[in-house]
Protein backbone atom coordinates (compact mmCIF):
# COMPACT_ATOMS: atom_id res chain seq x y z
CA MET A 1 96.50 79.54 91.12
CA ASP A 2 97.82 75.99 92.00
CA ALA A 3 100.26 75.01 89.28
CA THR A 4 98.46 71.56 88.71
CA ALA A 5 95.04 73.38 88.44
CA THR A 6 92.55 71.91 86.07
CA THR A 7 90.85 75.31 84.21
CA THR A 8 87.47 74.80 85.52
CA VAL A 9 86.00 72.65 88.54
CA THR A 10 83.39 70.53 87.73
CA LYS A 11 79.61 70.91 89.27
CA GLU A 12 80.23 67.27 90.38
CA GLN A 13 83.51 68.32 91.71
CA PHE A 14 81.52 71.46 93.71
CA GLU A 15 79.22 69.14 94.88
CA PHE A 16 81.47 66.60 96.25
CA LEU A 17 83.51 69.23 98.33
CA ARG A 18 80.49 70.86 99.74
CA SER A 19 79.60 67.67 100.84
CA LEU A 20 82.70 67.53 103.18
CA ASP A 21 83.43 70.02 106.60
CA THR A 22 86.86 71.54 106.02
CA PRO A 23 88.78 69.21 108.50
CA THR A 24 87.80 66.29 106.38
CA VAL A 25 88.97 68.00 103.12
CA CYS A 26 92.41 69.05 105.18
CA ASN A 27 92.67 65.13 105.85
CA LEU A 28 92.34 64.10 102.04
CA ILE A 29 94.54 66.58 101.14
CA GLU A 30 97.04 65.12 103.15
CA MET A 31 96.66 61.47 101.65
CA VAL A 32 96.68 62.54 97.99
CA ALA A 33 99.42 65.48 98.19
CA PRO A 34 101.36 64.78 101.04
CA GLU A 35 103.77 67.74 100.61
CA ARG A 36 100.40 69.75 101.59
CA ARG A 37 100.03 68.47 105.07
CA GLY A 38 101.71 71.31 106.76
CA LEU A 39 100.57 74.34 104.61
CA GLY A 40 97.85 75.89 102.92
CA TYR A 41 95.40 76.24 105.56
CA THR A 42 94.57 78.86 108.24
CA VAL A 43 96.53 78.09 111.56
CA LYS A 44 94.94 80.77 113.72
CA HIS A 45 91.36 81.15 115.13
CA LEU A 46 89.20 83.13 112.91
CA HIS A 47 85.54 84.29 114.42
CA CYS A 48 82.62 82.61 112.40
CA PRO A 49 79.47 84.43 113.25
CA PHE A 50 77.52 81.89 111.12
CA PRO A 51 78.71 78.64 112.43
CA ASP A 52 75.82 76.62 111.20
CA LEU A 53 75.84 77.42 107.49
CA SER A 54 77.14 74.81 104.97
CA PRO A 55 80.79 74.77 103.65
CA MET A 56 81.78 77.19 101.16
CA VAL A 57 83.68 76.48 98.22
CA GLY A 58 84.98 79.18 95.89
CA TYR A 59 87.51 80.65 93.85
CA ALA A 60 89.69 83.36 95.67
CA LYS A 61 89.25 87.07 94.70
CA THR A 62 92.29 88.60 96.81
CA VAL A 63 92.39 92.05 98.04
CA THR A 64 94.82 93.38 100.75
CA ILE A 65 93.59 96.31 102.69
CA LYS A 66 94.27 99.29 105.44
CA THR A 67 92.18 101.05 107.93
CA LYS A 68 94.21 102.92 110.22
CA ASP A 69 95.67 105.41 108.40
CA LYS A 70 93.75 108.19 106.68
CA VAL A 71 93.48 108.06 102.83
CA PRO A 72 91.93 110.88 100.25
CA LEU A 73 88.76 108.51 99.87
CA GLY A 74 87.35 111.12 97.90
CA GLU A 75 89.84 111.50 95.14
CA ALA A 76 89.09 110.35 91.59
CA SER A 77 91.88 107.82 91.55
CA TYR A 78 90.64 106.09 94.65
CA MET A 79 87.11 105.76 93.22
CA ALA A 80 88.51 104.45 89.80
CA LYS A 81 90.25 101.58 91.72
CA ARG A 82 87.10 101.07 93.88
CA LEU A 83 85.17 100.51 90.40
CA ASP A 84 87.99 98.46 89.01
CA TYR A 85 87.89 96.17 92.10
CA LEU A 86 84.22 95.77 91.78
CA ASP A 87 85.00 94.91 88.07
CA TYR A 88 87.49 91.95 89.34
CA VAL A 89 84.66 90.59 91.71
CA ALA A 90 82.21 90.04 89.27
CA ALA A 91 84.43 88.46 86.75
CA VAL A 92 85.12 84.95 86.28
CA PRO A 93 85.95 82.46 87.81
CA ARG A 94 82.56 82.27 90.17
CA PRO A 95 81.23 81.72 92.83
CA SER A 96 84.20 83.70 94.93
CA ILE A 97 85.43 84.08 98.43
CA VAL A 98 86.79 87.52 98.85
CA VAL A 99 89.90 86.75 100.78
CA ILE A 100 91.13 90.00 102.55
CA GLU A 101 94.61 90.38 104.03
CA ASP A 102 94.57 93.55 106.41
CA LEU A 103 98.49 95.19 106.00
CA ASP A 104 97.90 96.85 109.56
CA GLY A 105 99.97 94.51 111.38
CA GLU A 106 99.44 94.45 115.23
CA HIS A 107 96.69 96.81 114.32
CA ALA A 108 94.79 94.56 112.01
CA GLY A 109 91.12 94.98 112.45
CA PHE A 110 91.21 98.56 113.36
CA GLY A 111 88.46 99.10 110.94
CA ALA A 112 85.99 96.63 109.23
CA PHE A 113 85.64 96.20 105.34
CA TRP A 114 83.01 94.09 106.09
CA GLY A 115 79.41 94.77 107.20
CA GLU A 116 75.90 95.04 106.07
CA VAL A 117 76.64 97.14 102.39
CA GLN A 118 79.59 95.24 101.52
CA SER A 119 78.04 91.87 102.30
CA ASN A 120 75.08 92.76 100.13
CA LEU A 121 76.92 93.98 97.38
CA HIS A 122 79.46 91.35 97.07
CA LYS A 123 76.57 88.64 97.36
CA ALA A 124 75.06 90.39 94.30
CA LEU A 125 78.38 89.73 92.28
CA GLY A 126 78.62 86.11 92.91
CA CYS A 127 80.57 86.10 96.34
CA LEU A 128 79.88 83.18 99.07
CA GLY A 129 81.22 85.01 101.89
CA THR A 130 84.83 86.13 103.23
CA ILE A 131 88.00 85.08 104.99
CA THR A 132 90.08 87.93 106.13
CA ASN A 133 92.60 88.73 109.29
CA GLY A 134 90.68 92.01 109.63
CA SER A 135 87.30 92.88 111.34
CA ILE A 136 83.73 92.34 110.48
CA ARG A 137 80.63 94.30 111.79
CA ASP A 138 76.77 94.62 111.53
CA ILE A 139 76.42 90.62 112.05
CA ALA A 140 72.84 90.96 112.56
CA MET A 141 72.27 92.73 108.95
CA ILE A 142 74.68 90.37 106.88
CA PRO A 143 72.54 88.74 104.03
CA PRO A 144 71.14 85.00 104.63
CA GLY A 145 73.92 82.26 103.52
CA PHE A 146 76.61 84.76 103.48
CA GLN A 147 79.46 83.16 105.16
CA MET A 148 82.03 85.27 107.35
CA LEU A 149 85.42 84.20 108.73
CA ALA A 150 87.35 86.94 110.62
CA GLY A 151 89.99 87.90 112.67
CA SER A 152 88.15 90.13 114.99
CA ILE A 153 84.53 92.04 115.20
CA SER A 154 84.73 95.66 115.41
CA PRO A 155 81.88 98.73 115.37
CA SER A 156 83.69 100.90 113.11
CA HIS A 157 84.99 100.98 109.33
CA ALA A 158 87.40 103.55 110.49
CA TYR A 159 89.62 104.40 107.23
CA VAL A 160 89.49 101.24 105.55
CA HIS A 161 90.41 101.31 102.06
CA VAL A 162 91.62 98.72 99.38
CA VAL A 163 95.02 98.79 98.73
CA GLU A 164 95.50 96.27 95.96
CA PHE A 165 93.63 93.12 94.43
CA ALA A 166 94.51 90.15 92.34
CA VAL A 167 97.53 89.84 94.47
CA ASP A 168 98.90 87.12 96.63
CA VAL A 169 97.99 87.15 100.28
CA THR A 170 98.27 85.73 103.47
CA VAL A 171 95.62 85.14 105.92
CA HIS A 172 96.38 83.65 109.58
CA GLY A 173 99.25 81.39 107.63
CA MET A 174 97.23 80.66 104.50
CA ALA A 175 98.86 81.94 101.46
CA VAL A 176 96.16 82.14 98.60
CA ALA A 177 96.64 83.48 95.31
CA SER A 178 93.74 84.87 93.09
CA GLY A 179 91.59 82.09 91.42
CA ASP A 180 92.75 79.60 93.87
CA LEU A 181 90.02 77.12 94.95
CA VAL A 182 89.05 77.41 98.72
CA HIS A 183 87.11 75.33 101.11
CA ALA A 184 85.92 76.96 104.29
CA ASP A 185 83.84 76.39 107.28
CA ARG A 186 83.47 77.37 110.73
CA HIS A 187 86.66 75.28 111.42
CA GLY A 188 88.51 77.78 109.24
CA ALA A 189 89.80 77.35 105.43
CA VAL A 190 92.34 75.70 103.22
CA VAL A 191 93.32 75.85 99.58
CA VAL A 192 92.55 73.05 97.46
CA PRO A 193 94.75 71.46 94.79
CA MET A 194 92.12 71.65 92.11
CA GLY A 195 93.88 68.94 90.16
CA LYS A 196 93.94 66.73 93.21
CA ILE A 197 90.06 66.76 93.35
CA ASP A 198 89.36 63.20 91.63
CA ALA A 199 91.93 61.55 93.96
CA MET A 200 90.33 62.72 96.72
CA ARG A 201 87.03 60.69 96.26
CA PRO A 202 88.68 57.43 96.48
CA ALA A 203 90.75 58.52 99.44
CA PHE A 204 87.28 59.76 101.23
CA ASP A 205 86.26 56.23 100.87
CA LYS A 206 89.42 54.90 102.48
CA LEU A 207 89.38 57.48 105.19
CA THR A 208 85.68 56.89 106.11
CA ALA A 209 86.21 53.36 106.14
CA HIS A 210 89.44 53.38 108.42
CA GLU A 211 87.74 56.11 110.86
CA ALA A 212 84.74 54.06 111.03
CA ARG A 213 86.83 51.03 111.89
CA ILE A 214 88.54 52.66 114.97
CA ILE A 215 85.41 54.40 116.24
CA GLN A 216 83.81 51.08 116.47
CA ALA A 217 86.34 49.55 118.22
CA ALA A 218 86.87 52.13 120.63
CA ARG A 219 82.79 52.11 121.38
CA ASP A 220 83.08 48.31 121.76
CA PRO A 221 81.59 47.70 125.36
CA GLY A 222 84.49 45.04 125.47
CA ALA A 223 86.96 47.35 124.03
CA THR A 224 90.71 46.85 125.36
CA VAL A 225 93.92 48.40 124.46
CA GLU A 226 94.78 45.37 122.22
CA SER A 227 91.57 45.64 120.08
CA ILE A 228 91.99 49.22 119.80
CA LYS A 229 95.35 48.52 118.34
CA ALA A 230 94.38 45.88 115.94
CA ALA A 231 91.91 48.46 114.55
CA LEU A 232 94.72 51.24 114.10
CA LYS A 233 96.79 48.77 112.38
CA GLY A 234 93.78 47.87 109.92
């Protein structure tokens, strides 16, 4: 979790973040935390089967999986891990976003963790959706409102199994710790520094005014390079 994070995010802060798309959140983070300009967000394409859903904002539940190699899925020790994992997902803080790193390297996505069953189960436990470099399936059977950003789409779950949970993960360049606040939409995802959310509000007003001035100058029927330069300079 971010070292400067507050212990909780308020209802008003959640509402503010949900009103923004993820590229705008990235812009605001650049303004209030310049050291974050080149890190903390996904840097490769993620498939989004539900692009029209509103942005999701939630606390990260972090998981690592493997899917290519066989595991003794019926053993009591593995079932105990699965049950402990469900306790982890259901626990505060909520709402959550499950961030899964598939550890199979070039074979990531060989089997899908996410489908009809897991999405319904996780939604019941307060999960808004998932971000994973692995694969997803059962697109038509996913419960309404459950967002998915995935490295690939595949038909089989193969030998998918949880390796660890509540651990640091990296998904398409975005490093995430358990409990981090994550913002995601069709564009990708970013870890939000919780201690900077209040500073993002005035930054948003400044950004909006600046962009509106440039766009207006560009759309002006009499636009010239000089008038656009003037708008850029403010």
